[in-house]
Amino acid sequence: MTAALELRGLRKSFGGVPATNDVSLAVAPGERRLIIGPNGAGKTTLFNLITGDLRPDAGTIRLFGEEMQQFATHRRALRGMARTYQVITLFPRDTLAHNVVLSLLARAPGRWNALVPLSRRKALYAQAREVLAQVDLAHLAERALAEVSYGDKRRVEIAMALAQNPRLLLLDEPLAGLSREERTTVQALLARIPRDITIVMIEHDMDAALSFAERITLLHFGQVLVEGTRAEVVAHPRAREVYLG
């Protein structure tokens, strides 16, 4: 079976210091994979390499068997990659619906037609409300982003990623900064995402993350230290030593 995501020998250094060092892994279609590791382990750098925000020094990245290195970030998105970021990157003065429309616009026919104002693209706004309904925010579609809670902003970011119709969804700490109630809400949302979307998630909230993941990759100093099922990683002495405690 062709892996949804396959990395082979991925390397990236900054000023001679390796951030990722010969990282290889394979994620099966529909899998829920968790990437963990101490601060500075190379987790976000790994995501940036996968999406094309950074260029690797060496190695290969394959999405469902197709090599991605030759594609710019937006081309990778059109081939089925979507992601969220550690730091929320949204437009606070615009409505929730408008933020999602901007994401939908990337795949919309005639997206380069500057003669048609975005406000007249009624079909896109209707579709945006449908996407917001998937994250239980349709009732806030016309609210300015600055007026909703931090947890709601996290859900808008997930909605924008889902709007791109991804085959692979990369989530960079989607539970960070959330209250207990907000974490429960986002966990339930992630559990509802259909299995035709493969999810790779970075997360430090281990209770929530371990309940989500089927397989776990532990990075340490940019290398894969341990990989396996939840039970295998939790029981591994090196995993307990460097991260799990």
Protein backbone atom coordinates (compact mmCIF):
# COMPACT_ATOMS: atom_id res chain seq x y z
CA MET A 1 0.00 0.00 0.00
CA THR A 2 1.32 3.43 -0.98
CA ALA A 3 2.00 5.61 2.07
CA ALA A 4 0.05 8.84 2.42
CA LEU A 5 3.28 10.52 3.52
CA GLU A 6 6.76 9.07 3.12
CA LEU A 7 9.97 10.79 4.20
CA ARG A 8 13.38 9.38 3.41
CA GLY A 9 16.68 10.76 4.74
CA LEU A 10 15.32 14.24 5.34
CA ARG A 11 18.01 16.69 6.48
CA LYS A 12 17.98 20.39 7.26
CA SER A 13 20.68 22.42 9.04
CA PHE A 14 20.83 26.04 10.14
CA GLY A 15 24.35 27.45 10.41
CA GLY A 16 25.76 23.95 10.53
CA VAL A 17 23.43 22.86 13.34
CA PRO A 18 21.11 20.02 12.21
CA ALA A 19 17.41 20.67 12.83
CA THR A 20 16.36 17.43 11.16
CA ASN A 21 18.95 14.73 10.75
CA ASP A 22 18.20 11.81 8.42
CA VAL A 23 14.48 11.65 9.31
CA SER A 24 12.65 8.76 7.67
CA LEU A 25 9.07 7.71 8.34
CA ALA A 26 5.96 6.48 6.57
CA VAL A 27 2.36 7.32 7.43
CA ALA A 28 -0.40 5.04 6.14
CA PRO A 29 -3.52 6.44 4.45
CA GLY A 30 -6.12 7.35 7.05
CA GLU A 31 -3.63 7.06 9.91
CA ARG A 32 -3.55 9.37 12.93
CA ARG A 33 0.15 9.99 13.58
CA LEU A 34 1.52 11.97 16.52
CA ILE A 35 4.92 13.72 16.39
CA ILE A 36 6.34 14.41 19.85
CA GLY A 37 9.64 15.54 21.29
CA PRO A 38 11.26 18.15 23.55
CA ASN A 39 11.42 21.79 22.51
CA GLY A 40 14.01 22.13 19.75
CA ALA A 41 13.61 18.52 18.61
CA GLY A 42 12.83 19.64 15.04
CA LYS A 43 9.08 19.03 14.94
CA THR A 44 7.94 22.30 13.36
CA THR A 45 10.98 22.32 11.07
CA LEU A 46 9.84 18.91 9.87
CA PHE A 47 6.38 20.28 9.05
CA ASN A 48 7.94 23.24 7.23
CA LEU A 49 9.99 20.86 5.10
CA ILE A 50 6.96 18.73 4.28
CA THR A 51 4.88 21.73 3.18
CA GLY A 52 7.70 23.47 1.30
CA ASP A 53 8.09 26.44 3.63
CA LEU A 54 11.70 25.25 3.94
CA ARG A 55 13.87 23.50 1.37
CA PRO A 56 15.63 20.35 2.62
CA ASP A 57 19.39 19.95 2.33
CA ALA A 58 18.83 16.30 1.42
CA GLY A 59 16.14 13.66 1.34
CA THR A 60 12.79 12.99 -0.32
CA ILE A 61 9.16 13.80 0.51
CA ARG A 62 6.38 11.80 -1.12
CA LEU A 63 2.65 12.44 -0.93
CA PHE A 64 0.77 9.30 -1.96
CA GLY A 65 3.82 8.23 -3.94
CA GLU A 66 4.43 11.55 -5.72
CA GLU A 67 7.66 13.39 -4.96
CA MET A 68 7.06 16.88 -3.63
CA GLN A 69 10.49 18.52 -3.59
CA GLN A 70 10.01 20.15 -7.00
CA PHE A 71 6.75 21.80 -5.97
CA ALA A 72 6.31 25.17 -4.25
CA THR A 73 4.12 25.36 -1.14
CA HIS A 74 0.95 26.33 -3.01
CA ARG A 75 1.45 23.49 -5.50
CA ARG A 76 1.72 21.01 -2.64
CA ALA A 77 -1.52 22.39 -1.21
CA LEU A 78 -3.26 21.82 -4.54
CA ARG A 79 -2.04 18.21 -4.47
CA GLY A 80 -3.70 17.58 -1.13
CA MET A 81 -1.62 19.07 1.72
CA ALA A 82 -3.06 21.43 4.30
CA ARG A 83 -1.72 22.58 7.66
CA THR A 84 -2.27 24.71 10.71
CA TYR A 85 0.41 26.66 12.56
CA GLN A 86 1.61 27.02 16.14
CA VAL A 87 0.84 30.74 16.00
CA ILE A 88 -2.62 31.56 14.66
CA THR A 89 -2.30 33.40 11.34
CA LEU A 90 -5.77 34.77 10.55
CA PHE A 91 -7.35 38.13 9.67
CA PRO A 92 -8.85 39.48 12.91
CA ARG A 93 -10.93 42.31 11.40
CA ASP A 94 -12.66 40.03 8.89
CA THR A 95 -15.53 37.69 9.64
CA LEU A 96 -15.09 34.00 10.22
CA ALA A 97 -16.81 33.34 6.90
CA HIS A 98 -14.48 35.72 5.05
CA ASN A 99 -11.40 34.00 6.50
CA VAL A 100 -12.67 30.64 5.25
CA VAL A 101 -13.58 32.12 1.86
CA LEU A 102 -9.96 33.19 1.42
CA SER A 103 -8.96 29.57 1.89
CA LEU A 104 -11.64 28.32 -0.52
CA LEU A 105 -10.54 30.88 -3.09
CA ALA A 106 -7.27 29.00 -3.66
CA ARG A 107 -9.18 26.20 -5.41
CA ALA A 108 -11.99 28.26 -6.90
CA PRO A 109 -12.37 28.60 -10.69
CA GLY A 110 -11.69 32.13 -11.81
CA ARG A 111 -9.77 32.95 -8.67
CA TRP A 112 -7.53 35.32 -10.63
CA ASN A 113 -10.45 37.34 -11.96
CA ALA A 114 -9.92 40.69 -10.26
CA LEU A 115 -12.98 42.19 -11.98
CA VAL A 116 -15.38 40.23 -9.74
CA PRO A 117 -15.39 41.51 -6.12
CA LEU A 118 -15.03 38.80 -3.54
CA SER A 119 -18.22 40.01 -1.86
CA ARG A 120 -20.20 38.96 -4.96
CA ARG A 121 -19.01 35.36 -4.83
CA LYS A 122 -22.10 34.14 -2.99
CA ALA A 123 -21.40 30.48 -3.67
CA LEU A 124 -18.04 30.73 -1.89
CA TYR A 125 -19.66 32.29 1.18
CA ALA A 126 -22.32 29.57 1.23
CA GLN A 127 -19.58 26.96 1.05
CA ALA A 128 -17.67 28.73 3.83
CA ARG A 129 -20.70 28.45 6.11
CA GLU A 130 -20.88 24.72 5.34
CA VAL A 131 -17.22 24.33 6.32
CA LEU A 132 -17.78 26.33 9.52
CA ALA A 133 -20.67 24.01 10.33
CA GLN A 134 -18.19 21.12 10.31
CA VAL A 135 -16.41 22.79 13.24
CA ASP A 136 -19.66 23.91 14.94
CA LEU A 137 -19.13 27.61 14.18
CA ALA A 138 -21.77 28.31 11.53
CA HIS A 139 -23.70 30.45 14.03
CA LEU A 140 -20.69 32.80 14.26
CA ALA A 141 -20.04 33.05 10.52
CA GLU A 142 -20.71 36.80 10.35
CA ARG A 143 -18.86 37.62 13.56
CA ALA A 144 -15.49 39.37 13.31
CA LEU A 145 -12.67 37.03 14.19
CA ALA A 146 -11.38 39.45 16.84
CA GLU A 147 -14.68 39.05 18.70
CA VAL A 148 -14.52 35.28 19.26
CA SER A 149 -12.57 33.23 21.78
CA TYR A 150 -9.10 31.85 21.26
CA GLY A 151 -10.53 28.34 21.08
CA ASP A 152 -12.91 29.44 18.33
CA LYS A 153 -9.99 30.92 16.42
CA ARG A 154 -8.26 27.53 16.58
CA ARG A 155 -11.36 25.94 15.11
CA VAL A 156 -11.49 28.55 12.34
CA GLU A 157 -7.90 27.67 11.46
CA ILE A 158 -8.84 23.98 11.25
CA ALA A 159 -11.86 24.93 9.12
CA MET A 160 -9.59 26.83 6.72
CA ALA A 161 -7.38 23.77 6.39
CA LEU A 162 -10.40 21.50 5.79
CA ALA A 163 -11.70 23.96 3.18
CA GLN A 164 -8.71 23.06 1.01
CA ASN A 165 -10.07 19.51 0.64
CA PRO A 166 -6.86 17.90 1.92
CA ARG A 167 -5.75 14.32 1.71
CA LEU A 168 -3.05 15.02 4.32
CA LEU A 169 -3.72 17.37 7.24
CA LEU A 170 -0.77 18.61 9.32
CA LEU A 171 -1.76 20.05 12.71
CA ASP A 172 0.89 21.98 14.65
CA GLU A 173 -0.18 22.00 18.31
CA PRO A 174 -3.92 22.50 17.73
CA LEU A 175 -4.63 22.26 21.48
CA ALA A 176 -2.00 24.78 22.60
CA GLY A 177 -3.33 27.54 24.83
CA LEU A 178 -6.83 26.11 25.11
CA SER A 179 -8.87 25.72 28.28
CA ARG A 180 -9.93 22.24 29.35
CA GLU A 181 -13.40 22.77 27.85
CA GLU A 182 -11.95 24.09 24.59
CA ARG A 183 -9.56 21.14 24.36
CA THR A 184 -12.49 18.76 24.73
CA THR A 185 -14.34 20.57 21.94
CA VAL A 186 -11.37 20.46 19.55
CA GLN A 187 -10.67 16.81 20.39
CA ALA A 188 -14.25 15.93 19.47
CA LEU A 189 -13.86 17.88 16.23
CA LEU A 190 -10.68 16.03 15.28
CA ALA A 191 -12.33 12.70 16.05
CA ARG A 192 -15.06 13.51 13.49
CA ILE A 193 -12.67 14.17 10.61
CA PRO A 194 -13.26 11.39 8.06
CA ARG A 195 -10.69 8.68 7.48
CA ASP A 196 -10.06 9.69 3.89
CA ILE A 197 -8.01 12.49 5.45
CA THR A 198 -4.68 11.37 6.96
CA ILE A 199 -3.67 13.41 10.01
CA VAL A 200 -0.18 14.09 11.36
CA MET A 201 -0.21 16.12 14.56
CA ILE A 202 2.39 17.79 16.77
CA GLU A 203 1.16 18.17 20.33
CA HIS A 204 2.48 18.61 23.88
CA ASP A 205 -0.79 17.83 25.67
CA MET A 206 0.09 14.18 26.10
CA ASP A 207 -3.20 13.01 27.62
CA ALA A 208 -5.14 14.35 24.66
CA ALA A 209 -2.53 13.45 22.07
CA LEU A 210 -2.05 9.86 23.16
CA SER A 211 -5.79 9.25 23.04
CA PHE A 212 -5.80 10.56 19.46
CA ALA A 213 -2.75 8.87 17.97
CA GLU A 214 -2.47 5.36 16.57
CA ARG A 215 1.25 5.59 15.97
CA ILE A 216 3.81 7.94 17.50
CA THR A 217 7.15 9.26 16.29
CA LEU A 218 9.45 10.71 18.95
CA LEU A 219 12.05 13.18 17.68
CA HIS A 220 15.14 14.06 19.67
CA PHE A 221 17.87 16.42 18.39
CA GLY A 222 16.32 16.19 14.92
CA GLN A 223 16.39 12.40 14.72
CA VAL A 224 13.74 9.71 15.06
CA LEU A 225 14.48 8.23 18.47
CA VAL A 226 11.48 5.93 18.91
CA GLU A 227 8.54 5.03 16.69
CA GLY A 228 5.65 2.65 17.24
CA THR A 229 2.18 2.22 18.65
CA ARG A 230 1.05 4.17 21.69
CA ALA A 231 1.79 1.24 23.97
CA GLU A 232 5.22 0.62 22.45
CA VAL A 233 6.35 4.24 22.74
CA VAL A 234 4.99 4.79 26.24
CA ALA A 235 6.77 1.63 27.41
CA HIS A 236 10.07 2.44 25.70
CA PRO A 237 12.80 3.37 28.21
CA ARG A 238 14.40 5.99 25.94
CA ALA A 239 11.04 7.69 25.40
CA ARG A 240 10.49 7.90 29.15
CA GLU A 241 14.03 9.15 29.64
CA VAL A 242 14.03 12.05 27.17
CA TYR A 243 10.40 13.12 27.05
CA LEU A 244 7.62 11.20 28.80
CA GLY A 245 9.25 11.30 32.25
